[in-house]
Amino acid sequence: MNTEQKLKNLLVLKNEIDKEIADLMLKQKEKWQPKGGDFSIVNGRVAEGITNDAATSFGMAFETRQDAEKAAKAYRKYHRLYKLAEELNPDGWEPNWGDPNQPKYIIRFNKNYTDAKNDVWYESEIAGAVFFASITAANKAIEILMDQE
């Protein structure tokens, strides 16, 4: 094989490698989507066989009834806490992450949701946490939720 043929072969190989690299980079950029399943949460209840793409992408479709029931319980607790914060915080209040002196209160529950306490947070957001504007609002939320569990 002469030099010219070797060069042609190497260029073909380089093009194949470049294409493979481009494909891998494209796959890296694809957005993650939750897995679906036959069980979904509809109006707070577990339903079988009525899942769709919207339920799956929203994280409301599950492979087993047990997973769906566990999620429904957790979602109910989270959304009730979210609604309490909406009702107990001043209208339009949102944590100001640019103000390290502004206290932002969260509620921490134990594993079985049989006990709760407030905690103050100042500087960084906690993924998925619900924040209260005052210790009074956080304590009221604890009182309401613990009375209903």
Protein backbone atom coordinates (compact mmCIF):
# COMPACT_ATOMS: atom_id res chain seq x y z
CA MET A 1 0.00 0.00 0.00
CA ASN A 2 1.47 3.33 -1.02
CA THR A 3 1.42 6.56 0.95
CA GLU A 4 -1.50 8.01 -1.02
CA GLN A 5 -3.69 4.97 -0.29
CA LYS A 6 -2.74 5.04 3.41
CA LEU A 7 -3.71 8.69 3.57
CA LYS A 8 -7.10 8.00 1.94
CA ASN A 9 -7.74 5.15 4.39
CA LEU A 10 -6.81 7.32 7.36
CA LEU A 11 -9.11 10.13 6.16
CA VAL A 12 -12.01 7.67 5.85
CA LEU A 13 -11.28 6.42 9.36
CA LYS A 14 -11.03 10.01 10.66
CA ASN A 15 -14.43 10.85 9.14
CA GLU A 16 -15.98 7.79 10.79
CA ILE A 17 -14.47 8.78 14.15
CA ASP A 18 -15.67 12.40 13.77
CA LYS A 19 -19.20 11.15 13.02
CA GLU A 20 -19.12 8.85 16.04
CA ILE A 21 -17.95 11.72 18.27
CA ALA A 22 -20.74 13.98 16.95
CA ASP A 23 -23.36 11.26 17.60
CA LEU A 24 -22.11 10.75 21.15
CA MET A 25 -22.15 14.49 21.84
CA LEU A 26 -25.71 14.72 20.54
CA LYS A 27 -26.80 11.87 22.82
CA GLN A 28 -25.26 13.69 25.79
CA LYS A 29 -27.43 16.73 25.08
CA GLU A 30 -30.70 14.78 24.97
CA LYS A 31 -32.91 15.60 27.93
CA TRP A 32 -33.62 12.94 30.49
CA GLN A 33 -37.24 11.82 30.70
CA PRO A 34 -38.75 9.76 33.51
CA LYS A 35 -39.66 6.17 32.74
CA GLY A 36 -43.33 5.49 32.22
CA GLY A 37 -45.46 2.59 33.31
CA ASP A 38 -48.98 1.25 33.55
CA PHE A 39 -49.81 3.06 36.80
CA SER A 40 -50.31 6.80 37.08
CA ILE A 41 -51.50 9.32 39.60
CA VAL A 42 -54.73 10.99 38.53
CA ASN A 43 -56.43 13.47 40.86
CA GLY A 44 -54.33 12.17 43.75
CA ARG A 45 -55.30 8.53 43.21
CA VAL A 46 -53.51 5.64 41.56
CA ALA A 47 -55.04 4.57 38.26
CA GLU A 48 -54.05 1.64 36.06
CA GLY A 49 -53.82 1.69 32.28
CA ILE A 50 -54.49 5.37 31.60
CA THR A 51 -50.98 6.76 31.36
CA ASN A 52 -49.91 9.05 28.54
CA ASP A 53 -46.85 11.04 27.46
CA ALA A 54 -47.88 14.03 29.59
CA ALA A 55 -48.17 11.90 32.74
CA THR A 56 -44.84 10.27 32.00
CA SER A 57 -42.94 13.50 31.33
CA PHE A 58 -44.46 15.09 34.45
CA GLY A 59 -43.25 12.14 36.54
CA MET A 60 -46.71 10.81 37.31
CA ALA A 61 -46.44 7.38 35.60
CA PHE A 62 -44.94 4.35 37.36
CA GLU A 63 -44.06 0.76 36.60
CA THR A 64 -45.75 -0.72 39.69
CA ARG A 65 -48.81 0.09 41.79
CA GLN A 66 -46.62 0.13 44.90
CA ASP A 67 -44.33 2.82 43.41
CA ALA A 68 -47.34 4.88 42.33
CA GLU A 69 -48.96 4.66 45.78
CA LYS A 70 -45.71 5.66 47.50
CA ALA A 71 -45.31 8.61 45.13
CA ALA A 72 -48.96 9.68 45.54
CA LYS A 73 -48.45 9.87 49.31
CA ALA A 74 -45.25 11.91 48.94
CA TYR A 75 -46.79 14.20 46.30
CA ARG A 76 -49.80 14.84 48.54
CA LYS A 77 -47.55 15.86 51.44
CA TYR A 78 -45.41 18.09 49.23
CA HIS A 79 -48.34 19.81 47.52
CA ARG A 80 -50.18 20.39 50.79
CA LEU A 81 -47.01 21.97 52.21
CA TYR A 82 -46.65 24.06 49.05
CA LYS A 83 -50.25 25.26 49.35
CA LEU A 84 -49.77 26.08 53.04
CA ALA A 85 -46.76 28.23 52.17
CA GLU A 86 -48.83 29.95 49.50
CA GLU A 87 -51.57 30.69 52.05
CA LEU A 88 -49.37 31.58 55.05
CA ASN A 89 -46.70 33.68 53.32
CA PRO A 90 -47.43 37.31 52.40
CA ASP A 91 -48.93 37.69 48.91
CA GLY A 92 -46.29 37.31 46.25
CA TRP A 93 -43.47 36.53 48.70
CA GLU A 94 -40.56 34.58 47.28
CA PRO A 95 -37.15 33.96 48.82
CA ASN A 96 -34.64 36.59 47.76
CA TRP A 97 -31.48 34.57 47.14
CA GLY A 98 -29.57 37.77 46.48
CA ASP A 99 -30.09 38.83 50.10
CA PRO A 100 -27.95 36.67 52.42
CA ASN A 101 -29.50 38.42 55.44
CA GLN A 102 -33.09 37.48 54.62
CA PRO A 103 -34.12 34.43 56.66
CA LYS A 104 -35.98 31.73 54.73
CA TYR A 105 -37.67 29.06 56.82
CA ILE A 106 -38.10 25.42 55.86
CA ILE A 107 -39.85 22.54 57.59
CA ARG A 108 -38.00 19.30 58.18
CA PHE A 109 -39.93 16.13 58.95
CA ASN A 110 -38.60 12.91 60.35
CA LYS A 111 -38.72 9.78 58.20
CA ASN A 112 -42.27 8.80 59.18
CA TYR A 113 -43.68 12.34 59.25
CA THR A 114 -44.45 11.93 62.96
CA ASP A 115 -42.37 14.91 63.98
CA ALA A 116 -41.38 18.20 62.38
CA LYS A 117 -39.34 21.27 63.19
CA ASN A 118 -38.46 24.49 61.46
CA ASP A 119 -35.02 25.46 60.31
CA VAL A 120 -33.73 28.79 59.05
CA TRP A 121 -31.88 29.09 55.76
CA TYR A 122 -30.10 32.13 54.38
CA GLU A 123 -27.85 31.71 51.40
CA SER A 124 -28.62 28.86 49.01
CA GLU A 125 -31.73 27.23 47.68
CA ILE A 126 -32.48 23.60 48.51
CA ALA A 127 -33.88 21.67 45.55
CA GLY A 128 -37.55 20.92 46.10
CA ALA A 129 -37.80 22.71 49.44
CA VAL A 130 -40.78 24.87 50.33
CA PHE A 131 -39.84 28.12 52.04
CA PHE A 132 -41.74 30.26 54.52
CA ALA A 133 -41.25 33.99 55.07
CA SER A 134 -41.34 33.81 58.86
CA ILE A 135 -40.88 31.45 61.76
CA THR A 136 -44.51 32.13 62.68
CA ALA A 137 -45.71 30.90 59.26
CA ALA A 138 -43.44 27.83 59.43
CA ASN A 139 -44.66 26.94 62.92
CA LYS A 140 -48.30 27.39 61.87
CA ALA A 141 -47.71 25.04 58.92
CA ILE A 142 -46.18 22.46 61.28
CA GLU A 143 -49.15 22.76 63.60
CA ILE A 144 -51.65 22.30 60.76
CA LEU A 145 -49.83 19.40 59.13
CA MET A 146 -49.12 17.50 62.35
CA ASP A 147 -52.76 17.78 63.41
CA GLN A 148 -53.80 16.13 60.14
CA GLU A 149 -51.28 13.27 59.96
